[in-house]
Amino acid sequence: MASSQKLPSFSCELRIIQAQNIEFIKPMKNLFARFYLPAGNNKRIQLNTKKVPSNSVPFWNESFNLECSCPQEFLQTLKQESLVLELRQSNTGPAVLKRILGSHLVGRGEIPWKTILEAPNMEFKEWVKVSGSDDCDDDATLRVPEVQVEIKIQVALDAEIKKENRRRRLNNWDECGCKHGHDQHAWCSTEDYDIFALGAILEAF
């Protein structure tokens, strides 16, 4: 247990704000964002936002808070990875049919972790293009959909410093407008990095 406390703590606050340039999307289907984050050992974590109507400007303003104590090797290799962002629409119809068909991909984009980690104070807030939709590619006059994302990273070596900074930073997020507060999930335990992936599996909204 004593050795596990010496592992660097990694904290990531991920906020999905809104989307734009979605005029081509069918308005009868709900829209949501999906993130994939690297979890080591060729595994990744999937996060899904809540579903919102696509017949207006999609607005989530939804936050996730992820923390883990992880090996130094993870931090060293993270810069070679990317955070994958997908904009998706849920299929309509019976629940059984929706489970079979899954959701429809509107577009996909990537944010290099190197860009995030090398940003001032490791804070990133940008409009991310999500291209690749067949619907959008059919009409060159349509603008590529974009999703506004905010990411805040903190790496600490002392557990108490990590807790204090996390408490202060969460207080700073009180103005984000989240209706139900912030989602907080553990990425991994302090005992075994392999639990990293298991501890952060979230159910789809």
C-alpha atoms as a PDB file:
ATOM      1  CA  MET A   1       0.000   0.000   0.000  1.00  0.00           C
ATOM      2  CA  ALA A   2       2.836   2.381   0.850  1.00  0.00           C
ATOM      3  CA  SER A   3       4.389   1.947  -2.582  1.00  0.00           C
ATOM      4  CA  SER A   4       1.108   2.628  -4.343  1.00  0.00           C
ATOM      5  CA  GLN A   5       0.877   6.049  -2.710  1.00  0.00           C
ATOM      6  CA  LYS A   6       4.089   7.020  -4.480  1.00  0.00           C
ATOM      7  CA  LEU A   7       2.551   6.554  -7.905  1.00  0.00           C
ATOM      8  CA  PRO A   8       1.777   9.784  -9.763  1.00  0.00           C
ATOM      9  CA  SER A   9      -1.866  10.781  -9.607  1.00  0.00           C
ATOM     10  CA  PHE A  10      -3.505  11.714 -12.895  1.00  0.00           C
ATOM     11  CA  SER A  11      -6.645  13.861 -12.897  1.00  0.00           C
ATOM     12  CA  CYS A  12      -8.652  14.727 -15.996  1.00  0.00           C
ATOM     13  CA  GLU A  13     -11.694  17.000 -16.042  1.00  0.00           C
ATOM     14  CA  LEU A  14     -13.491  16.576 -19.342  1.00  0.00           C
ATOM     15  CA  ARG A  15     -16.312  18.920 -20.300  1.00  0.00           C
ATOM     16  CA  ILE A  16     -18.465  18.639 -23.412  1.00  0.00           C
ATOM     17  CA  ILE A  17     -20.198  21.958 -24.061  1.00  0.00           C
ATOM     18  CA  GLN A  18     -22.046  22.180 -27.381  1.00  0.00           C
ATOM     19  CA  ALA A  19     -22.009  21.400 -31.110  1.00  0.00           C
ATOM     20  CA  GLN A  20     -22.462  23.478 -34.242  1.00  0.00           C
ATOM     21  CA  ASN A  21     -22.763  23.078 -38.043  1.00  0.00           C
ATOM     22  CA  ILE A  22     -25.234  20.195 -37.814  1.00  0.00           C
ATOM     23  CA  GLU A  23     -27.794  21.453 -40.324  1.00  0.00           C
ATOM     24  CA  PHE A  24     -27.649  18.210 -42.316  1.00  0.00           C
ATOM     25  CA  ILE A  25     -28.525  15.972 -39.349  1.00  0.00           C
ATOM     26  CA  LYS A  26     -31.959  14.359 -39.266  1.00  0.00           C
ATOM     27  CA  PRO A  27     -33.910  16.246 -36.586  1.00  0.00           C
ATOM     28  CA  MET A  28     -35.997  13.294 -35.364  1.00  0.00           C
ATOM     29  CA  LYS A  29     -33.025  11.574 -33.706  1.00  0.00           C
ATOM     30  CA  ASN A  30     -31.300  12.494 -30.450  1.00  0.00           C
ATOM     31  CA  LEU A  31     -27.660  13.510 -30.503  1.00  0.00           C
ATOM     32  CA  PHE A  32     -24.867  12.583 -28.105  1.00  0.00           C
ATOM     33  CA  ALA A  33     -21.068  12.701 -27.889  1.00  0.00           C
ATOM     34  CA  ARG A  34     -18.809   9.707 -27.249  1.00  0.00           C
ATOM     35  CA  PHE A  35     -15.211   9.826 -26.068  1.00  0.00           C
ATOM     36  CA  TYR A  36     -12.524   7.174 -26.140  1.00  0.00           C
ATOM     37  CA  LEU A  37      -9.556   7.590 -23.787  1.00  0.00           C
ATOM     38  CA  PRO A  38      -6.455   5.354 -23.676  1.00  0.00           C
ATOM     39  CA  ALA A  39      -6.246   3.055 -20.660  1.00  0.00           C
ATOM     40  CA  GLY A  40      -3.036   1.144 -21.364  1.00  0.00           C
ATOM     41  CA  ASN A  41      -2.516  -2.440 -22.512  1.00  0.00           C
ATOM     42  CA  ASN A  42      -4.243  -1.627 -25.813  1.00  0.00           C
ATOM     43  CA  LYS A  43      -7.461  -0.876 -23.929  1.00  0.00           C
ATOM     44  CA  ARG A  44      -9.549   2.271 -23.911  1.00  0.00           C
ATOM     45  CA  ILE A  45     -12.333   3.861 -21.892  1.00  0.00           C
ATOM     46  CA  GLN A  46     -15.633   4.879 -23.433  1.00  0.00           C
ATOM     47  CA  LEU A  47     -17.614   7.853 -22.126  1.00  0.00           C
ATOM     48  CA  ASN A  48     -21.055   8.863 -23.408  1.00  0.00           C
ATOM     49  CA  THR A  49     -22.833  12.129 -22.769  1.00  0.00           C
ATOM     50  CA  LYS A  50     -26.560  12.433 -22.271  1.00  0.00           C
ATOM     51  CA  LYS A  51     -28.753  12.555 -25.379  1.00  0.00           C
ATOM     52  CA  VAL A  52     -30.160  15.899 -26.496  1.00  0.00           C
ATOM     53  CA  PRO A  53     -32.561  16.824 -29.323  1.00  0.00           C
ATOM     54  CA  SER A  54     -30.863  17.562 -32.646  1.00  0.00           C
ATOM     55  CA  ASN A  55     -33.609  19.871 -33.927  1.00  0.00           C
ATOM     56  CA  SER A  56     -31.936  22.831 -32.201  1.00  0.00           C
ATOM     57  CA  VAL A  57     -28.419  23.846 -31.174  1.00  0.00           C
ATOM     58  CA  PRO A  58     -27.112  20.797 -29.225  1.00  0.00           C
ATOM     59  CA  PHE A  59     -26.082  21.927 -25.754  1.00  0.00           C
ATOM     60  CA  TRP A  60     -24.770  19.499 -23.125  1.00  0.00           C
ATOM     61  CA  ASN A  61     -22.525  21.445 -20.738  1.00  0.00           C
ATOM     62  CA  GLU A  62     -21.772  18.093 -19.142  1.00  0.00           C
ATOM     63  CA  SER A  63     -18.646  17.273 -17.137  1.00  0.00           C
ATOM     64  CA  PHE A  64     -16.748  14.106 -16.251  1.00  0.00           C
ATOM     65  CA  ASN A  65     -14.038  13.914 -13.597  1.00  0.00           C
ATOM     66  CA  LEU A  66     -11.586  11.013 -13.895  1.00  0.00           C
ATOM     67  CA  GLU A  67      -8.737  10.172 -11.542  1.00  0.00           C
ATOM     68  CA  CYS A  68      -6.223   7.397 -11.074  1.00  0.00           C
ATOM     69  CA  SER A  69      -2.828   6.588  -9.658  1.00  0.00           C
ATOM     70  CA  CYS A  70      -0.868   5.165 -12.557  1.00  0.00           C
ATOM     71  CA  PRO A  71       2.668   4.052 -13.457  1.00  0.00           C
ATOM     72  CA  GLN A  72       5.101   6.619 -14.783  1.00  0.00           C
ATOM     73  CA  GLU A  73       5.163   4.669 -18.049  1.00  0.00           C
ATOM     74  CA  PHE A  74       1.570   5.644 -18.700  1.00  0.00           C
ATOM     75  CA  LEU A  75       2.359   9.331 -18.428  1.00  0.00           C
ATOM     76  CA  GLN A  76       5.362   8.901 -20.704  1.00  0.00           C
ATOM     77  CA  THR A  77       3.389   7.188 -23.456  1.00  0.00           C
ATOM     78  CA  LEU A  78       0.249   9.319 -23.169  1.00  0.00           C
ATOM     79  CA  LYS A  79       1.687  11.974 -25.479  1.00  0.00           C
ATOM     80  CA  GLN A  80       1.703   9.413 -28.276  1.00  0.00           C
ATOM     81  CA  GLU A  81      -2.039   8.810 -27.915  1.00  0.00           C
ATOM     82  CA  SER A  82      -5.115  10.807 -28.902  1.00  0.00           C
ATOM     83  CA  LEU A  83      -8.474  11.446 -27.309  1.00  0.00           C
ATOM     84  CA  VAL A  84     -11.085  10.310 -29.844  1.00  0.00           C
ATOM     85  CA  LEU A  85     -14.345  12.246 -30.054  1.00  0.00           C
ATOM     86  CA  GLU A  86     -17.420  11.001 -31.913  1.00  0.00           C
ATOM     87  CA  LEU A  87     -20.695  12.806 -32.556  1.00  0.00           C
ATOM     88  CA  ARG A  88     -23.511  10.251 -32.768  1.00  0.00           C
ATOM     89  CA  GLN A  89     -27.271   9.969 -33.211  1.00  0.00           C
ATOM     90  CA  SER A  90     -29.336   7.346 -31.435  1.00  0.00           C
ATOM     91  CA  ASN A  91     -31.581   5.185 -33.587  1.00  0.00           C
ATOM     92  CA  THR A  92     -35.331   5.354 -33.130  1.00  0.00           C
ATOM     93  CA  GLY A  93     -37.690   2.418 -32.737  1.00  0.00           C
ATOM     94  CA  PRO A  94     -38.149  -0.425 -30.224  1.00  0.00           C
ATOM     95  CA  ALA A  95     -35.489  -0.849 -27.542  1.00  0.00           C
ATOM     96  CA  VAL A  96     -34.476  -4.272 -28.875  1.00  0.00           C
ATOM     97  CA  LEU A  97     -33.945  -2.851 -32.360  1.00  0.00           C
ATOM     98  CA  LYS A  98     -31.923   0.077 -31.013  1.00  0.00           C
ATOM     99  CA  ARG A  99     -29.631  -2.308 -29.148  1.00  0.00           C
ATOM    100  CA  ILE A 100     -29.048  -4.293 -32.328  1.00  0.00           C
ATOM    101  CA  LEU A 101     -28.496  -1.331 -34.628  1.00  0.00           C
ATOM    102  CA  GLY A 102     -26.569   0.774 -32.149  1.00  0.00           C
ATOM    103  CA  SER A 103     -26.106   4.442 -32.991  1.00  0.00           C
ATOM    104  CA  HIS A 104     -25.314   6.347 -36.176  1.00  0.00           C
ATOM    105  CA  LEU A 105     -21.906   8.004 -36.507  1.00  0.00           C
ATOM    106  CA  VAL A 106     -22.217  11.654 -37.525  1.00  0.00           C
ATOM    107  CA  GLY A 107     -18.506  12.450 -37.424  1.00  0.00           C
ATOM    108  CA  ARG A 108     -15.246  11.679 -35.678  1.00  0.00           C
ATOM    109  CA  GLY A 109     -12.330  13.814 -34.531  1.00  0.00           C
ATOM    110  CA  GLU A 110      -9.141  13.415 -32.527  1.00  0.00           C
ATOM    111  CA  ILE A 111      -7.323  15.567 -29.987  1.00  0.00           C
ATOM    112  CA  PRO A 112      -3.653  14.622 -29.507  1.00  0.00           C
ATOM    113  CA  TRP A 113      -2.812  14.275 -25.825  1.00  0.00           C
ATOM    114  CA  LYS A 114       0.468  16.030 -26.622  1.00  0.00           C
ATOM    115  CA  THR A 115      -1.544  19.141 -27.518  1.00  0.00           C
ATOM    116  CA  ILE A 116      -3.505  18.939 -24.272  1.00  0.00           C
ATOM    117  CA  LEU A 117      -0.515  18.268 -22.015  1.00  0.00           C
ATOM    118  CA  GLU A 118       1.569  21.031 -23.589  1.00  0.00           C
ATOM    119  CA  ALA A 119      -1.221  23.628 -23.378  1.00  0.00           C
ATOM    120  CA  PRO A 120      -0.768  26.443 -20.808  1.00  0.00           C
ATOM    121  CA  ASN A 121      -1.554  25.018 -17.349  1.00  0.00           C
ATOM    122  CA  MET A 122      -2.569  21.818 -19.191  1.00  0.00           C
ATOM    123  CA  GLU A 123      -5.966  23.375 -19.945  1.00  0.00           C
ATOM    124  CA  PHE A 124      -7.498  22.936 -23.384  1.00  0.00           C
ATOM    125  CA  LYS A 125     -10.677  24.565 -24.721  1.00  0.00           C
ATOM    126  CA  GLU A 126     -11.344  24.384 -28.455  1.00  0.00           C
ATOM    127  CA  TRP A 127     -13.881  23.634 -31.163  1.00  0.00           C
ATOM    128  CA  VAL A 128     -12.999  20.160 -32.475  1.00  0.00           C
ATOM    129  CA  LYS A 129     -13.960  19.224 -36.030  1.00  0.00           C
ATOM    130  CA  VAL A 130     -15.746  15.868 -36.334  1.00  0.00           C
ATOM    131  CA  SER A 131     -15.603  14.884 -39.995  1.00  0.00           C
ATOM    132  CA  GLY A 132     -16.136  11.645 -41.847  1.00  0.00           C
ATOM    133  CA  SER A 133     -19.936  11.574 -42.056  1.00  0.00           C
ATOM    134  CA  ASP A 134     -21.272  10.292 -45.363  1.00  0.00           C
ATOM    135  CA  ASP A 135     -24.190  12.708 -45.028  1.00  0.00           C
ATOM    136  CA  CYS A 136     -21.855  15.672 -44.791  1.00  0.00           C
ATOM    137  CA  ASP A 137     -19.443  14.491 -47.486  1.00  0.00           C
ATOM    138  CA  ASP A 138     -22.276  14.311 -50.042  1.00  0.00           C
ATOM    139  CA  ASP A 139     -22.661  18.094 -49.981  1.00  0.00           C
ATOM    140  CA  ALA A 140     -19.485  20.125 -50.218  1.00  0.00           C
ATOM    141  CA  THR A 141     -21.357  23.310 -49.296  1.00  0.00           C
ATOM    142  CA  LEU A 142     -22.040  22.070 -45.762  1.00  0.00           C
ATOM    143  CA  ARG A 143     -19.616  23.045 -43.031  1.00  0.00           C
ATOM    144  CA  VAL A 144     -17.938  20.315 -41.000  1.00  0.00           C
ATOM    145  CA  PRO A 145     -19.645  19.737 -37.614  1.00  0.00           C
ATOM    146  CA  GLU A 146     -17.696  20.922 -34.578  1.00  0.00           C
ATOM    147  CA  VAL A 147     -17.919  20.118 -30.880  1.00  0.00           C
ATOM    148  CA  GLN A 148     -16.711  22.499 -28.187  1.00  0.00           C
ATOM    149  CA  VAL A 149     -14.627  20.670 -25.586  1.00  0.00           C
ATOM    150  CA  GLU A 150     -12.811  21.773 -22.449  1.00  0.00           C
ATOM    151  CA  ILE A 151     -10.163  19.572 -20.792  1.00  0.00           C
ATOM    152  CA  LYS A 152      -8.166  20.205 -17.625  1.00  0.00           C
ATOM    153  CA  ILE A 153      -5.279  17.945 -16.624  1.00  0.00           C
ATOM    154  CA  GLN A 154      -3.385  17.701 -13.358  1.00  0.00           C
ATOM    155  CA  VAL A 155      -0.495  15.408 -12.444  1.00  0.00           C
ATOM    156  CA  ALA A 156       0.632  15.292  -8.798  1.00  0.00           C
ATOM    157  CA  LEU A 157       3.003  13.133  -6.784  1.00  0.00           C
ATOM    158  CA  ASP A 158       1.476  13.721  -3.374  1.00  0.00           C
ATOM    159  CA  ALA A 159      -2.007  12.372  -2.625  1.00  0.00           C
ATOM    160  CA  GLU A 160      -2.917  15.191  -0.256  1.00  0.00           C
ATOM    161  CA  ILE A 161      -1.909  17.849  -2.787  1.00  0.00           C
ATOM    162  CA  LYS A 162      -4.007  16.064  -5.370  1.00  0.00           C
ATOM    163  CA  LYS A 163      -7.092  16.054  -3.133  1.00  0.00           C
ATOM    164  CA  GLU A 164      -6.726  19.709  -2.210  1.00  0.00           C
ATOM    165  CA  ASN A 165      -6.223  20.849  -5.798  1.00  0.00           C
ATOM    166  CA  ARG A 166      -9.107  18.723  -6.988  1.00  0.00           C
ATOM    167  CA  ARG A 167     -11.405  20.263  -4.377  1.00  0.00           C
ATOM    168  CA  ARG A 168     -10.350  23.780  -5.385  1.00  0.00           C
ATOM    169  CA  ARG A 169     -10.710  23.091  -9.120  1.00  0.00           C
ATOM    170  CA  LEU A 170     -14.136  21.516  -8.685  1.00  0.00           C
ATOM    171  CA  ASN A 171     -15.262  24.654  -6.896  1.00  0.00           C
ATOM    172  CA  ASN A 172     -14.135  26.616  -9.937  1.00  0.00           C
ATOM    173  CA  TRP A 173     -16.430  24.483 -12.085  1.00  0.00           C
ATOM    174  CA  ASP A 174     -19.553  25.435 -10.113  1.00  0.00           C
ATOM    175  CA  GLU A 175     -20.431  27.963 -12.800  1.00  0.00           C
ATOM    176  CA  CYS A 176     -20.443  25.388 -15.593  1.00  0.00           C
ATOM    177  CA  GLY A 177     -24.216  25.031 -15.352  1.00  0.00           C
ATOM    178  CA  CYS A 178     -24.419  21.257 -14.902  1.00  0.00           C
ATOM    179  CA  LYS A 179     -27.976  20.495 -13.875  1.00  0.00           C
ATOM    180  CA  HIS A 180     -27.120  17.433 -11.826  1.00  0.00           C
ATOM    181  CA  GLY A 181     -23.584  18.310 -10.756  1.00  0.00           C
ATOM    182  CA  HIS A 182     -20.372  16.702 -11.925  1.00  0.00           C
ATOM    183  CA  ASP A 183     -19.940  13.062 -12.813  1.00  0.00           C
ATOM    184  CA  GLN A 184     -17.049  11.597 -10.866  1.00  0.00           C
ATOM    185  CA  HIS A 185     -15.599   8.216 -11.709  1.00  0.00           C
ATOM    186  CA  ALA A 186     -12.369   6.487 -10.768  1.00  0.00           C
ATOM    187  CA  TRP A 187     -10.165   5.416 -13.627  1.00  0.00           C
ATOM    188  CA  CYS A 188      -8.250   2.849 -11.615  1.00  0.00           C
ATOM    189  CA  SER A 189      -7.380   1.713  -8.129  1.00  0.00           C
ATOM    190  CA  THR A 190      -4.118   2.503  -6.455  1.00  0.00           C
ATOM    191  CA  GLU A 191      -3.313  -1.171  -6.200  1.00  0.00           C
ATOM    192  CA  ASP A 192      -3.288  -2.413  -9.774  1.00  0.00           C
ATOM    193  CA  TYR A 193      -3.099  -0.434 -12.989  1.00  0.00           C
ATOM    194  CA  ASP A 194      -4.951  -3.188 -14.841  1.00  0.00           C
ATOM    195  CA  ILE A 195      -8.068  -2.209 -12.884  1.00  0.00           C
ATOM    196  CA  PHE A 196      -7.741   1.194 -14.568  1.00  0.00           C
ATOM    197  CA  ALA A 197      -9.941   0.112 -17.452  1.00  0.00           C
ATOM    198  CA  LEU A 198     -12.454  -1.751 -15.293  1.00  0.00           C
ATOM    199  CA  GLY A 199     -12.934   1.052 -12.804  1.00  0.00           C
ATOM    200  CA  ALA A 200     -13.896   3.595 -15.440  1.00  0.00           C
ATOM    201  CA  ILE A 201     -16.380   1.662 -17.563  1.00  0.00           C
ATOM    202  CA  LEU A 202     -19.493   3.820 -17.691  1.00  0.00           C
ATOM    203  CA  GLU A 203     -22.970   2.905 -18.801  1.00  0.00           C
ATOM    204  CA  ALA A 204     -24.331   4.672 -21.868  1.00  0.00           C
ATOM    205  CA  PHE A 205     -26.910   7.324 -21.146  1.00  0.00           C
END
